[in-house]
Protein backbone atom coordinates (compact mmCIF):
# COMPACT_ATOMS: atom_id res chain seq x y z
CA MET A 1 -84.93 -37.12 4.14
CA LYS A 2 -81.76 -35.72 5.74
CA HIS A 3 -82.27 -32.98 8.30
CA THR A 4 -80.54 -29.59 8.03
CA LYS A 5 -78.79 -27.79 10.88
CA VAL A 6 -80.47 -24.68 12.26
CA LYS A 7 -77.20 -22.77 11.75
CA ASP A 8 -77.25 -23.48 8.01
CA LEU A 9 -80.88 -22.43 7.66
CA LEU A 10 -80.30 -19.19 9.54
CA ASN A 11 -77.37 -18.47 7.19
CA SER A 12 -79.56 -19.01 4.11
CA THR A 13 -79.66 -16.21 1.56
CA LYS A 14 -83.01 -17.23 0.06
CA PRO A 15 -86.16 -19.20 0.94
CA VAL A 16 -85.97 -23.01 0.67
CA ASP A 17 -88.84 -25.40 0.03
CA ASP A 18 -89.30 -28.56 2.08
CA VAL A 19 -86.67 -28.55 4.82
CA LEU A 20 -86.37 -30.87 7.82
CA ILE A 21 -84.92 -29.87 11.17
CA LYS A 22 -84.51 -31.82 14.40
CA GLY A 23 -83.94 -30.16 17.73
CA TRP A 24 -85.38 -29.18 21.09
CA VAL A 25 -88.15 -26.79 22.03
CA ARG A 26 -86.91 -23.67 23.79
CA THR A 27 -90.26 -21.86 23.95
CA PHE A 28 -93.79 -22.25 22.58
CA ARG A 29 -96.08 -19.22 22.64
CA SER A 30 -99.53 -18.30 21.45
CA ASN A 31 -100.10 -21.96 20.50
CA ARG A 32 -98.35 -21.03 17.27
CA PHE A 33 -94.71 -19.95 17.53
CA LEU A 34 -92.09 -22.59 18.32
CA ALA A 35 -88.47 -21.61 19.04
CA ILE A 36 -86.24 -24.58 18.16
CA ASN A 37 -82.54 -25.00 18.90
CA ASP A 38 -80.35 -27.92 17.82
CA GLY A 39 -77.05 -26.86 19.42
CA SER A 40 -75.37 -25.87 16.15
CA VAL A 41 -75.71 -22.15 16.91
CA ILE A 42 -76.77 -19.94 19.80
CA HIS A 43 -79.83 -18.63 17.94
CA ASN A 44 -83.16 -20.43 17.73
CA ILE A 45 -85.19 -20.77 14.56
CA GLN A 46 -88.85 -19.80 14.71
CA CYS A 47 -91.30 -22.37 13.43
CA VAL A 48 -94.89 -21.32 12.78
CA ILE A 49 -97.54 -23.96 13.35
CA ASP A 50 -101.00 -24.11 11.80
CA PHE A 51 -102.54 -24.67 15.23
CA GLU A 52 -106.10 -24.90 13.88
CA ASN A 53 -105.10 -28.07 12.03
CA THR A 54 -102.89 -29.48 14.80
CA SER A 55 -104.41 -31.70 17.45
CA GLU A 56 -104.76 -30.26 20.95
CA GLU A 57 -102.94 -33.29 22.33
CA THR A 58 -99.89 -32.53 20.18
CA LEU A 59 -99.93 -28.84 21.12
CA LYS A 60 -99.92 -29.75 24.82
CA ARG A 61 -96.81 -31.89 24.30
CA LEU A 62 -94.81 -28.99 22.83
CA THR A 63 -93.15 -28.12 26.12
CA THR A 64 -89.69 -26.69 26.83
CA GLY A 65 -87.07 -29.40 26.36
CA ALA A 66 -89.15 -31.68 24.13
CA ALA A 67 -87.31 -33.16 21.12
CA VAL A 68 -89.03 -32.63 17.77
CA ALA A 69 -88.68 -33.21 14.05
CA ILE A 70 -90.18 -30.43 11.94
CA GLN A 71 -90.73 -30.37 8.22
CA GLY A 72 -91.77 -27.27 6.35
CA ASN A 73 -90.80 -24.41 4.08
CA LEU A 74 -88.15 -21.83 4.96
CA VAL A 75 -89.74 -18.46 4.20
CA GLU A 76 -88.93 -14.84 4.88
CA SER A 77 -90.22 -13.86 8.30
CA SER A 78 -92.85 -11.18 8.63
CA GLY A 79 -91.90 -10.60 12.28
CA SER A 80 -88.91 -8.75 13.67
CA GLY A 81 -85.82 -10.47 15.07
CA GLN A 82 -85.26 -13.07 12.37
CA GLN A 83 -84.83 -13.04 8.61
CA PHE A 84 -86.27 -16.50 8.03
CA GLU A 85 -88.74 -18.82 9.72
CA ILE A 86 -90.22 -22.22 8.97
CA GLN A 87 -93.85 -22.61 8.01
CA VAL A 88 -94.56 -26.05 9.44
CA THR A 89 -96.17 -28.71 7.24
CA ASN A 90 -95.41 -31.72 9.44
CA LEU A 91 -94.42 -32.07 13.08
CA GLU A 92 -93.31 -35.14 15.03
CA ILE A 93 -92.53 -35.23 18.75
CA LEU A 94 -89.51 -37.49 19.25
CA GLY A 95 -89.22 -37.16 23.02
CA ASP A 96 -91.51 -35.59 25.60
CA SER A 97 -90.35 -33.30 28.41
CA ASP A 98 -92.41 -32.98 31.59
CA ALA A 99 -92.93 -29.23 31.90
CA GLU A 100 -93.42 -29.39 35.65
CA LYS A 101 -90.21 -31.31 36.34
CA TYR A 102 -87.80 -30.09 33.65
CA PRO A 103 -85.12 -27.97 35.43
CA MET A 104 -84.02 -25.86 32.44
CA GLN A 105 -87.03 -23.62 32.11
CA PRO A 106 -86.66 -20.45 29.96
CA LYS A 107 -85.69 -18.15 32.80
CA LYS A 108 -82.48 -16.96 34.48
CA HIS A 109 -80.84 -19.63 36.63
CA THR A 110 -77.99 -19.16 39.09
CA LEU A 111 -74.63 -20.65 38.09
CA GLU A 112 -74.67 -22.74 41.25
CA PHE A 113 -78.05 -24.24 40.28
CA LEU A 114 -76.67 -25.01 36.83
CA ARG A 115 -73.60 -26.72 38.34
CA GLU A 116 -75.95 -28.97 40.29
CA ASN A 117 -77.54 -29.87 36.94
CA ALA A 118 -74.34 -30.12 34.91
CA HIS A 119 -75.85 -32.88 32.77
CA LEU A 120 -78.52 -30.44 31.53
CA ARG A 121 -76.83 -27.02 31.75
CA VAL A 122 -75.37 -27.24 28.25
CA ARG A 123 -78.96 -26.81 27.01
CA THR A 124 -78.90 -23.18 28.13
CA ASN A 125 -77.68 -20.38 25.85
CA LEU A 126 -74.80 -19.61 28.20
CA PHE A 127 -73.35 -23.09 28.46
CA GLY A 128 -74.07 -23.91 24.83
CA ALA A 129 -71.93 -20.89 23.90
CA VAL A 130 -69.15 -21.75 26.38
CA MET A 131 -68.90 -25.37 25.23
CA ARG A 132 -68.93 -24.48 21.52
CA VAL A 133 -66.09 -22.02 22.18
CA ARG A 134 -64.25 -24.73 24.16
CA SER A 135 -64.61 -27.12 21.22
CA VAL A 136 -63.31 -24.58 18.68
CA LEU A 137 -60.39 -23.65 20.97
CA SER A 138 -59.50 -27.33 21.29
CA PHE A 139 -59.40 -27.69 17.51
CA ALA A 140 -57.32 -24.51 17.21
CA VAL A 141 -54.71 -25.98 19.60
CA HIS A 142 -54.24 -29.04 17.42
CA HIS A 143 -54.39 -26.98 14.23
CA TYR A 144 -51.60 -24.67 15.40
CA PHE A 145 -49.16 -27.42 16.33
CA GLN A 146 -49.99 -29.78 13.45
CA ASP A 147 -49.53 -26.95 10.93
CA ARG A 148 -46.05 -26.35 12.33
CA GLY A 149 -44.85 -29.94 12.23
CA PHE A 150 -45.28 -30.83 15.91
CA ALA A 151 -45.95 -34.48 16.75
CA TYR A 152 -48.90 -35.13 19.06
CA VAL A 153 -47.78 -37.38 21.92
CA ASN A 154 -50.18 -39.22 24.24
CA THR A 155 -48.34 -39.26 27.55
CA PRO A 156 -49.42 -41.69 30.31
CA ILE A 157 -52.31 -40.91 32.63
CA ILE A 158 -51.06 -43.44 35.18
CA THR A 159 -47.44 -42.77 36.16
CA GLY A 160 -44.87 -43.40 38.86
CA SER A 161 -43.51 -39.84 38.80
CA ASP A 162 -44.66 -36.54 40.28
CA ALA A 163 -43.37 -34.04 37.74
CA GLU A 164 -44.04 -31.00 39.91
CA GLY A 165 -42.70 -32.55 43.13
CA ALA A 166 -45.55 -30.98 45.10
CA GLY A 167 -46.98 -34.26 46.33
CA GLU A 168 -50.55 -33.26 45.44
CA ILE A 169 -51.27 -36.53 43.67
CA PHE A 170 -54.12 -39.01 43.40
CA GLN A 171 -52.76 -42.45 44.14
CA VAL A 172 -53.76 -45.37 41.92
CA THR A 173 -54.06 -48.80 43.49
CA SER A 174 -55.80 -52.14 43.10
CA LEU A 175 -55.02 -53.16 46.70
CA PRO A 176 -58.07 -53.90 48.88
CA LEU A 177 -58.44 -50.83 51.08
CA ASN A 178 -60.09 -52.82 53.87
CA ASN A 179 -57.18 -55.27 54.00
CA ILE A 180 -54.02 -53.55 52.77
CA PRO A 181 -51.00 -55.90 52.59
CA LYS A 182 -48.04 -54.76 54.69
CA THR A 183 -44.31 -55.50 54.67
CA GLU A 184 -42.48 -56.84 57.72
CA GLU A 185 -41.62 -53.22 58.55
CA GLY A 186 -45.33 -52.31 58.58
CA ASP A 187 -45.30 -50.29 55.35
CA VAL A 188 -47.74 -50.80 52.47
CA ASP A 189 -46.47 -53.68 50.34
CA TYR A 190 -46.72 -52.10 46.89
CA LYS A 191 -45.05 -55.14 45.33
CA GLN A 192 -48.46 -56.81 45.62
CA ASP A 193 -50.16 -53.89 43.86
CA PHE A 194 -51.16 -54.04 40.17
CA PHE A 195 -48.04 -52.23 38.93
CA GLY A 196 -45.75 -53.53 41.66
CA LYS A 197 -44.92 -50.00 42.82
CA GLU A 198 -46.53 -46.74 43.93
CA THR A 199 -48.40 -45.07 41.06
CA ASN A 200 -50.59 -42.00 40.66
CA LEU A 201 -52.65 -40.05 38.17
CA THR A 202 -50.42 -37.71 36.19
CA VAL A 203 -49.97 -34.08 37.21
CA SER A 204 -48.19 -33.30 33.93
CA GLY A 205 -47.07 -35.03 30.74
CA GLN A 206 -43.97 -32.85 30.54
CA LEU A 207 -41.25 -35.29 31.57
CA GLU A 208 -42.43 -37.94 29.12
CA ALA A 209 -42.88 -35.30 26.40
CA GLU A 210 -39.25 -34.23 26.89
CA THR A 211 -38.09 -37.75 26.02
CA PHE A 212 -40.01 -37.57 22.73
CA ALA A 213 -38.68 -34.08 21.94
CA MET A 214 -35.20 -35.55 22.17
CA ALA A 215 -36.08 -37.78 19.21
CA LEU A 216 -38.85 -36.08 17.23
CA GLY A 217 -37.63 -32.49 17.72
CA GLN A 218 -40.93 -30.77 18.51
CA VAL A 219 -43.89 -32.40 20.22
CA TYR A 220 -46.96 -31.48 22.23
CA THR A 221 -49.32 -33.16 24.64
CA PHE A 222 -52.94 -32.19 25.18
CA GLY A 223 -54.68 -34.33 27.74
CA PRO A 224 -56.17 -34.68 31.21
CA THR A 225 -54.08 -34.02 34.31
CA PHE A 226 -54.95 -34.33 37.99
CA ARG A 227 -54.07 -32.43 41.17
CA ALA A 228 -55.21 -33.50 44.64
CA GLU A 229 -54.98 -29.92 45.86
CA ASN A 230 -57.67 -29.36 48.47
CA SER A 231 -58.56 -25.90 47.14
CA ASN A 232 -62.27 -25.27 46.88
CA THR A 233 -61.94 -22.04 44.90
CA SER A 234 -63.14 -20.57 41.62
CA ARG A 235 -59.63 -21.08 40.16
CA HIS A 236 -58.93 -24.76 40.92
CA LEU A 237 -60.04 -28.11 39.53
CA ALA A 238 -58.91 -31.59 40.54
CA GLU A 239 -59.15 -32.76 36.92
CA PHE A 240 -58.27 -30.47 34.04
CA TRP A 241 -56.65 -30.50 30.60
CA MET A 242 -53.11 -29.34 29.88
CA ILE A 243 -51.41 -28.22 26.67
CA GLU A 244 -47.67 -28.92 26.89
CA PRO A 245 -45.28 -28.42 23.94
CA GLU A 246 -41.62 -29.42 24.22
CA VAL A 247 -39.05 -28.31 21.63
CA ALA A 248 -35.49 -29.53 21.21
CA PHE A 249 -32.83 -26.82 20.70
CA ASN A 250 -35.14 -24.00 21.88
CA ASP A 251 -33.76 -21.66 24.52
CA LEU A 252 -35.95 -19.53 26.81
CA ASP A 253 -36.28 -16.69 24.28
CA ALA A 254 -37.53 -19.09 21.60
CA ASN A 255 -39.88 -20.62 24.18
CA MET A 256 -41.37 -17.20 24.94
CA ASP A 257 -41.75 -16.52 21.20
CA LEU A 258 -43.58 -19.82 20.72
CA ALA A 259 -45.94 -19.25 23.66
CA GLU A 260 -46.88 -15.73 22.57
CA ASP A 261 -47.43 -16.77 18.96
CA PHE A 262 -49.50 -19.80 20.02
CA ILE A 263 -51.79 -17.85 22.36
CA LYS A 264 -52.40 -15.12 19.79
CA TYR A 265 -53.19 -17.73 17.15
CA VAL A 266 -55.83 -19.62 19.14
CA ILE A 267 -57.51 -16.40 20.32
CA ARG A 268 -57.60 -15.04 16.78
CA TYR A 269 -58.98 -18.36 15.56
CA VAL A 270 -61.87 -18.34 18.02
CA LEU A 271 -62.66 -14.67 17.28
CA GLU A 272 -62.95 -15.56 13.59
CA ASN A 273 -64.93 -18.78 14.08
CA CYS A 274 -67.23 -18.06 17.07
CA PRO A 275 -68.44 -14.48 16.49
CA GLU A 276 -72.05 -15.09 17.58
CA ASP A 277 -71.14 -16.97 20.76
CA LEU A 278 -68.50 -14.39 21.72
CA THR A 279 -70.93 -11.52 21.07
CA PHE A 280 -73.42 -13.21 23.40
CA LEU A 281 -70.74 -13.83 26.07
CA ASN A 282 -69.50 -10.26 25.72
CA GLN A 283 -73.02 -8.91 26.33
CA ARG A 284 -73.53 -11.25 29.28
CA LEU A 285 -70.31 -10.04 30.92
CA LYS A 286 -71.27 -6.40 30.34
CA GLN A 287 -74.54 -6.99 32.21
CA GLU A 288 -72.71 -8.81 35.01
CA GLU A 289 -70.16 -6.02 35.35
CA SER A 290 -72.86 -3.33 35.40
CA GLN A 291 -74.20 -4.81 38.64
CA LYS A 292 -70.85 -4.37 40.42
CA LYS A 293 -69.57 -1.30 42.22
CA ALA A 294 -67.76 1.05 39.84
CA ALA A 295 -64.39 0.37 41.54
CA ASP A 296 -64.77 -3.39 41.03
CA ARG A 297 -65.67 -3.30 37.35
CA SER A 298 -63.27 -4.48 34.70
CA PRO A 299 -61.94 -1.60 32.58
CA MET A 300 -62.37 -3.75 29.44
CA THR A 301 -65.20 -5.75 27.92
CA LEU A 302 -64.57 -9.40 26.99
CA LEU A 303 -63.96 -8.62 23.32
CA GLU A 304 -61.68 -5.72 24.28
CA LYS A 305 -59.61 -8.08 26.47
CA LEU A 306 -59.22 -10.54 23.61
CA ARG A 307 -58.16 -7.79 21.21
CA PHE A 308 -55.87 -6.37 23.91
CA VAL A 309 -53.91 -9.64 23.84
CA LEU A 310 -53.80 -9.73 20.04
CA GLU A 311 -52.82 -6.09 19.54
CA ASN A 312 -50.08 -5.79 22.17
CA ASN A 313 -46.63 -7.29 22.18
CA PHE A 314 -46.12 -9.20 25.41
CA LYS A 315 -43.81 -7.17 27.66
CA ARG A 316 -40.84 -9.26 28.83
CA VAL A 317 -39.69 -8.43 32.34
CA SER A 318 -37.27 -10.21 34.67
CA TYR A 319 -38.58 -11.36 38.04
CA THR A 320 -36.03 -9.06 39.72
CA GLU A 321 -37.31 -6.01 37.83
CA ALA A 322 -40.92 -6.99 38.62
CA ILE A 323 -40.14 -7.26 42.35
CA ASP A 324 -38.66 -3.74 42.32
CA ILE A 325 -41.77 -2.39 40.55
CA LEU A 326 -44.10 -4.13 43.00
CA LYS A 327 -42.10 -3.11 46.12
CA ASN A 328 -42.32 0.53 45.08
CA SER A 329 -45.92 0.39 43.84
CA LYS A 330 -48.63 2.48 45.48
CA PRO A 331 -50.78 -0.50 46.62
CA ASN A 332 -47.74 -2.14 48.20
CA ARG A 333 -46.59 1.05 49.98
CA ASN A 334 -50.14 1.69 51.20
CA LYS A 335 -50.55 -1.96 52.35
CA LYS A 336 -53.41 -2.50 49.88
CA PHE A 337 -52.08 -5.83 48.63
CA ASN A 338 -53.24 -8.85 50.61
CA TYR A 339 -49.67 -10.15 50.28
CA ILE A 340 -47.15 -7.35 50.84
CA ILE A 341 -43.97 -7.61 48.78
CA GLU A 342 -41.07 -7.09 51.16
CA GLU A 343 -38.07 -8.77 49.60
CA TRP A 344 -36.66 -10.60 46.59
CA GLY A 345 -37.68 -14.26 46.55
CA ALA A 346 -41.38 -13.75 47.23
CA ASP A 347 -43.78 -16.02 45.33
CA LEU A 348 -46.01 -13.68 43.33
CA GLN A 349 -49.78 -13.86 43.84
CA SER A 350 -52.56 -13.16 41.35
CA GLU A 351 -53.01 -9.61 42.69
CA HIS A 352 -49.34 -8.81 41.93
CA GLU A 353 -49.52 -10.36 38.46
CA ARG A 354 -52.67 -8.43 37.59
CA TYR A 355 -51.15 -5.16 38.85
CA LEU A 356 -48.20 -5.59 36.48
CA VAL A 357 -50.49 -6.33 33.50
CA GLU A 358 -53.43 -4.02 34.11
CA LYS A 359 -51.92 -1.06 35.93
CA HIS A 360 -48.19 -0.83 35.31
CA PHE A 361 -47.41 -2.13 31.80
CA LYS A 362 -50.95 -2.15 30.37
CA SER A 363 -50.06 -5.14 28.20
CA PRO A 364 -49.68 -8.90 28.67
CA VAL A 365 -46.45 -9.61 30.55
CA ILE A 366 -43.92 -12.44 30.44
CA LEU A 367 -41.91 -12.70 33.65
CA PHE A 368 -38.65 -14.66 33.45
CA ASP A 369 -35.62 -15.72 35.53
CA TYR A 370 -37.38 -16.66 38.76
CA PRO A 371 -35.69 -17.62 42.04
CA ALA A 372 -34.68 -21.28 41.88
CA ASP A 373 -36.15 -21.91 45.34
CA ILE A 374 -39.74 -21.35 44.20
CA LYS A 375 -39.53 -23.29 40.92
CA ALA A 376 -39.38 -26.97 39.90
CA PHE A 377 -36.22 -29.09 39.77
CA TYR A 378 -36.11 -29.48 35.97
CA MET A 379 -35.64 -25.76 35.18
CA ARG A 380 -32.23 -24.67 33.92
CA LEU A 381 -30.07 -22.99 36.54
CA ASN A 382 -28.65 -19.61 35.52
CA ASP A 383 -24.98 -18.72 35.97
CA ASP A 384 -25.84 -16.64 39.06
CA GLY A 385 -26.69 -19.90 40.86
CA LYS A 386 -29.88 -18.46 42.36
CA THR A 387 -32.30 -18.02 39.44
CA VAL A 388 -33.64 -20.40 36.80
CA ARG A 389 -34.65 -19.97 33.17
CA ALA A 390 -38.36 -20.00 33.97
CA MET A 391 -41.11 -17.87 32.47
CA ASP A 392 -44.76 -17.15 33.27
CA ILE A 393 -47.23 -15.34 31.00
CA LEU A 394 -49.63 -12.99 32.78
CA PHE A 395 -53.00 -11.86 31.40
CA PRO A 396 -55.51 -9.18 32.41
CA GLY A 397 -58.23 -10.34 34.78
CA ILE A 398 -56.69 -13.75 35.35
CA GLY A 399 -52.99 -13.43 36.21
CA GLU A 400 -50.78 -16.38 35.26
CA ILE A 401 -52.02 -18.37 32.28
CA VAL A 402 -48.80 -20.07 31.10
CA GLY A 403 -45.81 -21.46 32.98
CA GLY A 404 -42.70 -22.75 31.25
CA SER A 405 -38.94 -22.91 31.21
CA GLN A 406 -35.78 -23.88 29.46
CA ARG A 407 -35.10 -27.35 30.84
CA GLU A 408 -31.89 -28.30 32.66
CA GLU A 409 -29.94 -30.30 30.06
CA ARG A 410 -26.76 -30.78 32.13
CA LEU A 411 -26.74 -34.18 33.83
CA ASP A 412 -24.53 -33.20 36.78
CA VAL A 413 -26.57 -30.07 37.59
CA LEU A 414 -29.85 -31.97 37.31
CA GLN A 415 -28.60 -34.76 39.56
CA GLN A 416 -27.48 -32.23 42.16
CA LYS A 417 -30.90 -30.51 42.14
CA ILE A 418 -32.67 -33.86 42.49
CA LYS A 419 -30.44 -34.73 45.43
CA GLU A 420 -31.09 -31.39 47.16
CA LEU A 421 -34.85 -31.93 46.86
CA ASP A 422 -34.57 -35.47 48.22
CA ILE A 423 -36.11 -36.97 45.06
CA ASP A 424 -35.29 -40.65 44.49
CA GLU A 425 -32.97 -40.70 41.47
CA LYS A 426 -33.95 -44.32 40.76
CA GLU A 427 -37.51 -43.18 40.02
CA LEU A 428 -36.23 -40.86 37.29
CA TRP A 429 -33.54 -43.10 35.73
CA TRP A 430 -35.28 -42.95 32.34
CA TYR A 431 -35.54 -39.14 32.48
CA LEU A 432 -31.85 -38.81 33.34
CA ASP A 433 -30.99 -41.04 30.37
CA THR A 434 -32.05 -38.20 28.07
CA ARG A 435 -29.19 -36.20 29.63
CA ARG A 436 -26.75 -39.08 29.26
CA TYR A 437 -27.29 -39.77 25.57
CA GLY A 438 -27.27 -36.79 23.22
CA SER A 439 -28.46 -34.14 25.66
CA ALA A 440 -29.31 -30.78 24.12
CA PRO A 441 -30.85 -27.48 25.19
CA HIS A 442 -34.66 -27.70 25.05
CA SER A 443 -37.67 -25.81 26.35
CA GLY A 444 -41.40 -26.08 26.85
CA PHE A 445 -44.40 -24.70 28.64
CA GLY A 446 -47.72 -25.74 30.12
CA LEU A 447 -51.04 -24.02 29.63
CA GLY A 448 -54.09 -25.10 31.60
CA PHE A 449 -56.76 -25.38 28.92
CA GLU A 450 -59.58 -24.40 31.28
CA ARG A 451 -57.74 -21.18 32.21
CA LEU A 452 -57.61 -20.37 28.51
CA VAL A 453 -61.31 -21.15 28.03
CA GLN A 454 -62.08 -19.00 31.09
CA PHE A 455 -60.21 -16.06 29.63
CA VAL A 456 -61.80 -16.37 26.19
CA THR A 457 -65.38 -16.79 27.48
CA GLY A 458 -65.20 -14.36 30.40
CA MET A 459 -66.53 -16.93 32.87
CA SER A 460 -65.48 -16.11 36.42
CA ASN A 461 -65.52 -19.66 37.80
CA ILE A 462 -63.35 -22.39 36.29
CA ARG A 463 -66.05 -24.97 37.11
CA ASP A 464 -68.17 -23.40 34.38
CA VAL A 465 -65.78 -24.02 31.49
CA ILE A 466 -65.42 -27.82 31.79
CA PRO A 467 -68.36 -30.18 31.15
CA PHE A 468 -68.30 -32.00 34.49
CA PRO A 469 -66.08 -30.31 37.11
CA ARG A 470 -64.15 -32.39 39.65
CA THR A 471 -63.53 -30.54 42.90
CA PRO A 472 -63.10 -31.42 46.60
CA GLN A 473 -66.10 -33.46 47.82
CA ASN A 474 -67.62 -33.44 44.33
CA ALA A 475 -67.40 -36.18 41.70
CA GLU A 476 -71.04 -36.08 40.58
CA PHE A 477 -72.06 -37.19 37.07
């Protein structure tokens, strides 16, 4: 007999005879009422046992975390809180759970405790909801691009290039670390390494995606990326997933249109397909906010933030205009910002980005035309010679969520920028070829998937929106 998901039974419109469910015990009370969850939905289904005709040995084994198979009849519930329950006719324990040792007891656990038990935390309501939302968001990403004729490109995880030029890379080597071969000059002899050259884990699939856009027109990558940035904060991961579309013949305006449309689509999709999980996460965040000082509370609930993004056109503002607004803002004049804005060219911090979104414009903001000195080499230089066709999308509560640009399609300008940054042109010969043969204007952006999941779920720490976080001094599980 095939088992039915708890979600489907809870969505039933009428009683059903002889159903089979398989799941895990959440609670067992009064030797009679079993709450079972199978991960398909945040809610448990109540199963009522005839305890007088159930052995005492079996009843003792019905502990939190135990895996069970339950057969019975789905009937209308006489108790409050659920429309249907299962009157149990047959019960089988598939896997025991030691009640004294099982960490995920039905009580409130700290997020830090749950991180230490990341292999079990998805069994809690909170992490079950977060990971279901993550899964639906992931599908929505693919659905959006596939529906619009984008080709999905799997860019390399091991690469010889550092797309961002920041040097925060994880090196890949097969050389014996206790006996590293050296050249006559005393340098590491990478010719003896597996790939015959220095390689690293990718920080971005963008450069490779650009080469495919120059043939397939519109492409996207969605895969793992790695940054060896020694930042032990609630906003950074060493391993995370990136969504990176690249589109031939798109200028910066078309790039901004695409990014805004994409973000609104995936948020709308998750609102339509995860209502129960989002309602739970919204309530959780309300309770968390209520414990803060009034001045520190968010002015919007989670669901209000999501609708705020959907219902407002993203305000497009040049970096220069934003700097003027920030310089003259009350928190800047009163030295309330941690980073005071004094002159054009400053690299904006999260506090500045959030001020623009939450206080000044009261809408999501797209900043564009940044100083060339604070942006990557591949961004198209404007005619003023000092700004580039870059754009960042800023959201309430989180600051920057998307970074993108129109790419520099002119070979001579790109070569000059590479030279000024002391990047070895030989390492990027293949990338420069796309500017030698049929170069065309093109644009793209990158969106850190975990930042998106954070925003949609309301989780304050990025380590709580990825199954097994990788951070400095932590590669457990």
